[in-house]
Amino acid sequence: MLRTRLLTAAIAIPALWLIIEFVPPWRPPWGAALFVGFILAVTAAGLHEYFAMALPEHKSERAVGVMWGIVVAAGVASRRPEFWGAGLALGLISGLGLALRHGADLGGAVQRLGLALLGVLYLGFFTPHVVLLRAGGYGWQWVVFTVFGAMGSDSGGYFAGRAVGRHKLAPAISPSKTFE
């Protein structure tokens, strides 16, 4: 597992650095679109993994959650609050309407909607803020700082989990991930 992580890091870190530093978001049309597309792809991958862990038994709800998150992410990346706000509101209202259709399992449906909302906010809303961060003053430096800070904390969590972790979080998706 460590070997795989190191190999991934050896390839991904230089590629990530090049994308963050040298894809100019101010050079329309391809610069901004390429960076936004990259961030949306990262968001989609994160949403897919989150929903696979949060709703393993509900394939259609996972797919809807990933799409909902991408719509919100695209709205945030567009810098238009009315887009992400409308996407968030429409998804929540639709989800509540669908939950009401599950009369026998209303509690479970509302719980799944809550998990979906958490994933959409955590990944679909916050991740594309990297686009906004990149567009600001010293933007690429702040993005590099943020990404490497997250990678450092992830590595710390990995080593701490290997050292003291006992209870598996989602063995079918990530066999070594633990609660501790």
C-alpha atoms as a PDB file:
ATOM      1  CA  MET A   1       0.000   0.000   0.000  1.00  0.00           C
ATOM      2  CA  LEU A   2       2.809   2.412   0.841  1.00  0.00           C
ATOM      3  CA  ARG A   3       4.550   1.563  -2.425  1.00  0.00           C
ATOM      4  CA  THR A   4       1.374   2.383  -4.371  1.00  0.00           C
ATOM      5  CA  ARG A   5       1.021   5.688  -2.536  1.00  0.00           C
ATOM      6  CA  LEU A   6       4.632   6.636  -3.242  1.00  0.00           C
ATOM      7  CA  LEU A   7       4.316   5.732  -6.922  1.00  0.00           C
ATOM      8  CA  THR A   8       1.105   7.733  -7.207  1.00  0.00           C
ATOM      9  CA  ALA A   9       2.756  10.689  -5.467  1.00  0.00           C
ATOM     10  CA  ALA A  10       5.791  10.518  -7.778  1.00  0.00           C
ATOM     11  CA  ILE A  11       3.507  10.901 -10.790  1.00  0.00           C
ATOM     12  CA  ALA A  12       0.705  13.044  -9.388  1.00  0.00           C
ATOM     13  CA  ILE A  13       2.677  15.708  -7.515  1.00  0.00           C
ATOM     14  CA  PRO A  14       4.620  17.031 -10.541  1.00  0.00           C
ATOM     15  CA  ALA A  15       1.497  16.857 -12.729  1.00  0.00           C
ATOM     16  CA  LEU A  16      -0.537  18.655 -10.084  1.00  0.00           C
ATOM     17  CA  TRP A  17       2.133  21.324  -9.696  1.00  0.00           C
ATOM     18  CA  LEU A  18       2.180  21.942 -13.458  1.00  0.00           C
ATOM     19  CA  ILE A  19      -1.594  22.226 -13.647  1.00  0.00           C
ATOM     20  CA  ILE A  20      -1.822  24.574 -10.660  1.00  0.00           C
ATOM     21  CA  GLU A  21       1.070  26.847 -11.593  1.00  0.00           C
ATOM     22  CA  PHE A  22       1.160  26.880 -15.365  1.00  0.00           C
ATOM     23  CA  VAL A  23      -2.430  26.583 -16.568  1.00  0.00           C
ATOM     24  CA  PRO A  24      -3.257  30.284 -16.747  1.00  0.00           C
ATOM     25  CA  PRO A  25      -6.869  30.850 -15.686  1.00  0.00           C
ATOM     26  CA  TRP A  26      -6.805  34.356 -17.134  1.00  0.00           C
ATOM     27  CA  ARG A  27      -6.081  33.183 -20.687  1.00  0.00           C
ATOM     28  CA  PRO A  28      -9.486  32.533 -22.228  1.00  0.00           C
ATOM     29  CA  PRO A  29     -10.960  30.308 -23.410  1.00  0.00           C
ATOM     30  CA  TRP A  30      -8.827  27.248 -22.738  1.00  0.00           C
ATOM     31  CA  GLY A  31      -6.920  28.262 -19.594  1.00  0.00           C
ATOM     32  CA  ALA A  32      -9.855  28.747 -17.268  1.00  0.00           C
ATOM     33  CA  ALA A  33     -11.834  25.898 -18.814  1.00  0.00           C
ATOM     34  CA  LEU A  34      -8.950  23.446 -18.409  1.00  0.00           C
ATOM     35  CA  PHE A  35      -8.403  24.304 -14.751  1.00  0.00           C
ATOM     36  CA  VAL A  36     -12.140  24.265 -13.967  1.00  0.00           C
ATOM     37  CA  GLY A  37     -12.493  20.955 -15.822  1.00  0.00           C
ATOM     38  CA  PHE A  38      -9.653  19.475 -13.797  1.00  0.00           C
ATOM     39  CA  ILE A  39     -11.202  20.631 -10.509  1.00  0.00           C
ATOM     40  CA  LEU A  40     -14.634  19.318 -11.537  1.00  0.00           C
ATOM     41  CA  ALA A  41     -13.073  15.933 -12.391  1.00  0.00           C
ATOM     42  CA  VAL A  42     -11.387  15.833  -8.975  1.00  0.00           C
ATOM     43  CA  THR A  43     -14.708  16.774  -7.363  1.00  0.00           C
ATOM     44  CA  ALA A  44     -16.548  14.055  -9.295  1.00  0.00           C
ATOM     45  CA  ALA A  45     -13.991  11.436  -8.215  1.00  0.00           C
ATOM     46  CA  GLY A  46     -14.325  12.537  -4.586  1.00  0.00           C
ATOM     47  CA  LEU A  47     -18.124  12.481  -4.784  1.00  0.00           C
ATOM     48  CA  HIS A  48     -18.056   8.998  -6.299  1.00  0.00           C
ATOM     49  CA  GLU A  49     -15.874   7.676  -3.471  1.00  0.00           C
ATOM     50  CA  TYR A  50     -17.911   9.446  -0.784  1.00  0.00           C
ATOM     51  CA  PHE A  51     -21.248   8.127  -2.042  1.00  0.00           C
ATOM     52  CA  ALA A  52     -19.838   4.607  -2.438  1.00  0.00           C
ATOM     53  CA  MET A  53     -19.028   4.701   1.292  1.00  0.00           C
ATOM     54  CA  ALA A  54     -22.104   6.627   2.476  1.00  0.00           C
ATOM     55  CA  LEU A  55     -24.781   4.832   0.425  1.00  0.00           C
ATOM     56  CA  PRO A  56     -23.332   1.443  -0.567  1.00  0.00           C
ATOM     57  CA  GLU A  57     -26.726  -0.259  -0.960  1.00  0.00           C
ATOM     58  CA  HIS A  58     -28.461   2.516  -2.949  1.00  0.00           C
ATOM     59  CA  LYS A  59     -26.983   2.697  -6.454  1.00  0.00           C
ATOM     60  CA  SER A  60     -29.507   5.124  -7.975  1.00  0.00           C
ATOM     61  CA  GLU A  61     -29.298   7.500  -5.009  1.00  0.00           C
ATOM     62  CA  ARG A  62     -25.487   7.432  -5.285  1.00  0.00           C
ATOM     63  CA  ALA A  63     -25.683   8.406  -8.963  1.00  0.00           C
ATOM     64  CA  VAL A  64     -28.123  11.228  -8.218  1.00  0.00           C
ATOM     65  CA  GLY A  65     -25.905  12.443  -5.364  1.00  0.00           C
ATOM     66  CA  VAL A  66     -22.828  12.553  -7.613  1.00  0.00           C
ATOM     67  CA  MET A  67     -24.737  14.473 -10.294  1.00  0.00           C
ATOM     68  CA  TRP A  68     -26.173  16.864  -7.691  1.00  0.00           C
ATOM     69  CA  GLY A  69     -22.682  17.517  -6.353  1.00  0.00           C
ATOM     70  CA  ILE A  70     -21.288  18.188  -9.832  1.00  0.00           C
ATOM     71  CA  VAL A  71     -24.097  20.671 -10.562  1.00  0.00           C
ATOM     72  CA  VAL A  72     -23.353  22.541  -7.323  1.00  0.00           C
ATOM     73  CA  ALA A  73     -19.595  22.379  -8.025  1.00  0.00           C
ATOM     74  CA  ALA A  74     -20.059  23.796 -11.521  1.00  0.00           C
ATOM     75  CA  GLY A  75     -22.158  26.598 -10.045  1.00  0.00           C
ATOM     76  CA  VAL A  76     -19.459  27.465  -7.497  1.00  0.00           C
ATOM     77  CA  ALA A  77     -16.723  27.323 -10.153  1.00  0.00           C
ATOM     78  CA  SER A  78     -18.761  29.663 -12.374  1.00  0.00           C
ATOM     79  CA  ARG A  79     -18.615  32.312  -9.611  1.00  0.00           C
ATOM     80  CA  ARG A  80     -22.365  32.760  -9.880  1.00  0.00           C
ATOM     81  CA  PRO A  81     -24.053  32.218  -6.475  1.00  0.00           C
ATOM     82  CA  GLU A  82     -27.460  31.972  -8.105  1.00  0.00           C
ATOM     83  CA  PHE A  83     -26.315  28.855 -10.006  1.00  0.00           C
ATOM     84  CA  TRP A  84     -24.969  26.896  -7.068  1.00  0.00           C
ATOM     85  CA  GLY A  85     -27.740  28.176  -4.818  1.00  0.00           C
ATOM     86  CA  ALA A  86     -30.397  27.051  -7.286  1.00  0.00           C
ATOM     87  CA  GLY A  87     -28.685  23.676  -7.705  1.00  0.00           C
ATOM     88  CA  LEU A  88     -28.507  23.175  -3.955  1.00  0.00           C
ATOM     89  CA  ALA A  89     -32.113  24.259  -3.372  1.00  0.00           C
ATOM     90  CA  LEU A  90     -33.531  22.245  -6.272  1.00  0.00           C
ATOM     91  CA  GLY A  91     -31.664  19.117  -5.186  1.00  0.00           C
ATOM     92  CA  LEU A  92     -32.764  19.492  -1.568  1.00  0.00           C
ATOM     93  CA  ILE A  93     -36.412  20.120  -2.442  1.00  0.00           C
ATOM     94  CA  SER A  94     -36.408  17.209  -4.910  1.00  0.00           C
ATOM     95  CA  GLY A  95     -34.750  14.982  -2.329  1.00  0.00           C
ATOM     96  CA  LEU A  96     -37.359  15.872   0.280  1.00  0.00           C
ATOM     97  CA  GLY A  97     -40.105  15.147  -2.244  1.00  0.00           C
ATOM     98  CA  LEU A  98     -38.593  11.762  -3.046  1.00  0.00           C
ATOM     99  CA  ALA A  99     -38.155  11.001   0.659  1.00  0.00           C
ATOM    100  CA  LEU A 100     -41.881  11.575   1.203  1.00  0.00           C
ATOM    101  CA  ARG A 101     -42.624   8.891  -1.397  1.00  0.00           C
ATOM    102  CA  HIS A 102     -40.911   6.311   0.841  1.00  0.00           C
ATOM    103  CA  GLY A 103     -43.751   6.201   3.364  1.00  0.00           C
ATOM    104  CA  ALA A 104     -42.675   2.932   4.987  1.00  0.00           C
ATOM    105  CA  ASP A 105     -39.026   3.942   5.180  1.00  0.00           C
ATOM    106  CA  LEU A 106     -39.335   7.694   5.660  1.00  0.00           C
ATOM    107  CA  GLY A 107     -36.675   7.787   8.390  1.00  0.00           C
ATOM    108  CA  GLY A 108     -34.172   5.918   6.221  1.00  0.00           C
ATOM    109  CA  ALA A 109     -34.938   8.113   3.205  1.00  0.00           C
ATOM    110  CA  VAL A 110     -34.403  11.310   5.208  1.00  0.00           C
ATOM    111  CA  GLN A 111     -31.178   9.886   6.643  1.00  0.00           C
ATOM    112  CA  ARG A 112     -29.916   9.100   3.128  1.00  0.00           C
ATOM    113  CA  LEU A 113     -30.875  12.612   2.013  1.00  0.00           C
ATOM    114  CA  GLY A 114     -28.875  14.017   4.931  1.00  0.00           C
ATOM    115  CA  LEU A 115     -25.852  11.938   3.917  1.00  0.00           C
ATOM    116  CA  ALA A 116     -26.262  13.134   0.333  1.00  0.00           C
ATOM    117  CA  LEU A 117     -26.485  16.767   1.440  1.00  0.00           C
ATOM    118  CA  LEU A 118     -23.358  16.337   3.556  1.00  0.00           C
ATOM    119  CA  GLY A 119     -21.436  14.955   0.572  1.00  0.00           C
ATOM    120  CA  VAL A 120     -22.695  17.655  -1.767  1.00  0.00           C
ATOM    121  CA  LEU A 121     -21.726  20.415   0.664  1.00  0.00           C
ATOM    122  CA  TYR A 122     -18.404  18.899   1.705  1.00  0.00           C
ATOM    123  CA  LEU A 123     -17.181  17.980  -1.774  1.00  0.00           C
ATOM    124  CA  GLY A 124     -19.477  19.643  -4.296  1.00  0.00           C
ATOM    125  CA  PHE A 125     -19.469  23.023  -2.581  1.00  0.00           C
ATOM    126  CA  PHE A 126     -16.057  23.336  -0.936  1.00  0.00           C
ATOM    127  CA  THR A 127     -13.739  21.637  -3.450  1.00  0.00           C
ATOM    128  CA  PRO A 128     -14.439  24.012  -6.377  1.00  0.00           C
ATOM    129  CA  HIS A 129     -13.529  26.953  -4.168  1.00  0.00           C
ATOM    130  CA  VAL A 130     -10.007  26.101  -5.332  1.00  0.00           C
ATOM    131  CA  VAL A 131     -11.008  27.779  -8.621  1.00  0.00           C
ATOM    132  CA  LEU A 132     -11.877  30.963  -6.721  1.00  0.00           C
ATOM    133  CA  LEU A 133      -8.692  30.726  -4.670  1.00  0.00           C
ATOM    134  CA  ARG A 134      -6.635  30.295  -7.862  1.00  0.00           C
ATOM    135  CA  ALA A 135      -8.145  33.449  -9.371  1.00  0.00           C
ATOM    136  CA  GLY A 136      -7.102  35.668  -6.435  1.00  0.00           C
ATOM    137  CA  GLY A 137      -3.827  37.380  -5.656  1.00  0.00           C
ATOM    138  CA  TYR A 138      -0.967  34.874  -5.275  1.00  0.00           C
ATOM    139  CA  GLY A 139      -3.615  32.345  -6.278  1.00  0.00           C
ATOM    140  CA  TRP A 140      -1.465  29.460  -7.434  1.00  0.00           C
ATOM    141  CA  GLN A 141       0.694  29.714  -4.301  1.00  0.00           C
ATOM    142  CA  TRP A 142      -2.380  29.507  -2.070  1.00  0.00           C
ATOM    143  CA  VAL A 143      -3.671  26.529  -4.021  1.00  0.00           C
ATOM    144  CA  VAL A 144      -0.310  24.753  -3.717  1.00  0.00           C
ATOM    145  CA  PHE A 145      -0.251  25.498   0.020  1.00  0.00           C
ATOM    146  CA  THR A 146      -3.801  24.174   0.438  1.00  0.00           C
ATOM    147  CA  VAL A 147      -3.243  21.036  -1.644  1.00  0.00           C
ATOM    148  CA  PHE A 148       0.047  20.126   0.008  1.00  0.00           C
ATOM    149  CA  GLY A 149      -1.418  20.830   3.445  1.00  0.00           C
ATOM    150  CA  ALA A 150      -4.266  18.430   2.671  1.00  0.00           C
ATOM    151  CA  MET A 151      -1.840  15.845   1.288  1.00  0.00           C
ATOM    152  CA  GLY A 152       0.299  16.150   4.410  1.00  0.00           C
ATOM    153  CA  SER A 153      -2.661  15.639   6.722  1.00  0.00           C
ATOM    154  CA  ASP A 154      -3.823  12.683   4.605  1.00  0.00           C
ATOM    155  CA  SER A 155      -0.381  11.108   4.861  1.00  0.00           C
ATOM    156  CA  GLY A 156      -0.351  11.727   8.605  1.00  0.00           C
ATOM    157  CA  GLY A 157      -3.760  10.075   8.884  1.00  0.00           C
ATOM    158  CA  TYR A 158      -2.530   7.125   6.836  1.00  0.00           C
ATOM    159  CA  PHE A 159       0.498   6.528   9.056  1.00  0.00           C
ATOM    160  CA  ALA A 160      -1.498   7.083  12.262  1.00  0.00           C
ATOM    161  CA  GLY A 161      -4.147   4.645  11.032  1.00  0.00           C
ATOM    162  CA  ARG A 162      -1.501   2.045  10.224  1.00  0.00           C
ATOM    163  CA  ALA A 163       0.036   2.480  13.664  1.00  0.00           C
ATOM    164  CA  VAL A 164      -3.068   2.535  15.881  1.00  0.00           C
ATOM    165  CA  GLY A 165      -6.100   1.891  13.625  1.00  0.00           C
ATOM    166  CA  ARG A 166      -8.198  -1.150  14.430  1.00  0.00           C
ATOM    167  CA  HIS A 167     -11.779  -0.696  13.163  1.00  0.00           C
ATOM    168  CA  LYS A 168     -12.270  -0.677   9.375  1.00  0.00           C
ATOM    169  CA  LEU A 169     -14.284   2.214   7.926  1.00  0.00           C
ATOM    170  CA  ALA A 170     -15.349   0.758   4.552  1.00  0.00           C
ATOM    171  CA  PRO A 171     -13.338  -2.386   3.769  1.00  0.00           C
ATOM    172  CA  ALA A 172     -14.967  -2.999   0.381  1.00  0.00           C
ATOM    173  CA  ILE A 173     -13.915   0.442  -0.895  1.00  0.00           C
ATOM    174  CA  SER A 174     -10.750   1.234   0.999  1.00  0.00           C
ATOM    175  CA  PRO A 175      -9.475  -1.890   2.799  1.00  0.00           C
ATOM    176  CA  SER A 176      -6.919  -0.121   4.993  1.00  0.00           C
ATOM    177  CA  LYS A 177      -8.982   2.923   6.033  1.00  0.00           C
ATOM    178  CA  THR A 178      -9.812   2.896   9.761  1.00  0.00           C
ATOM    179  CA  PHE A 179     -11.887   5.015  12.143  1.00  0.00           C
ATOM    180  CA  GLU A 180      -9.009   5.777  14.498  1.00  0.00           C
END
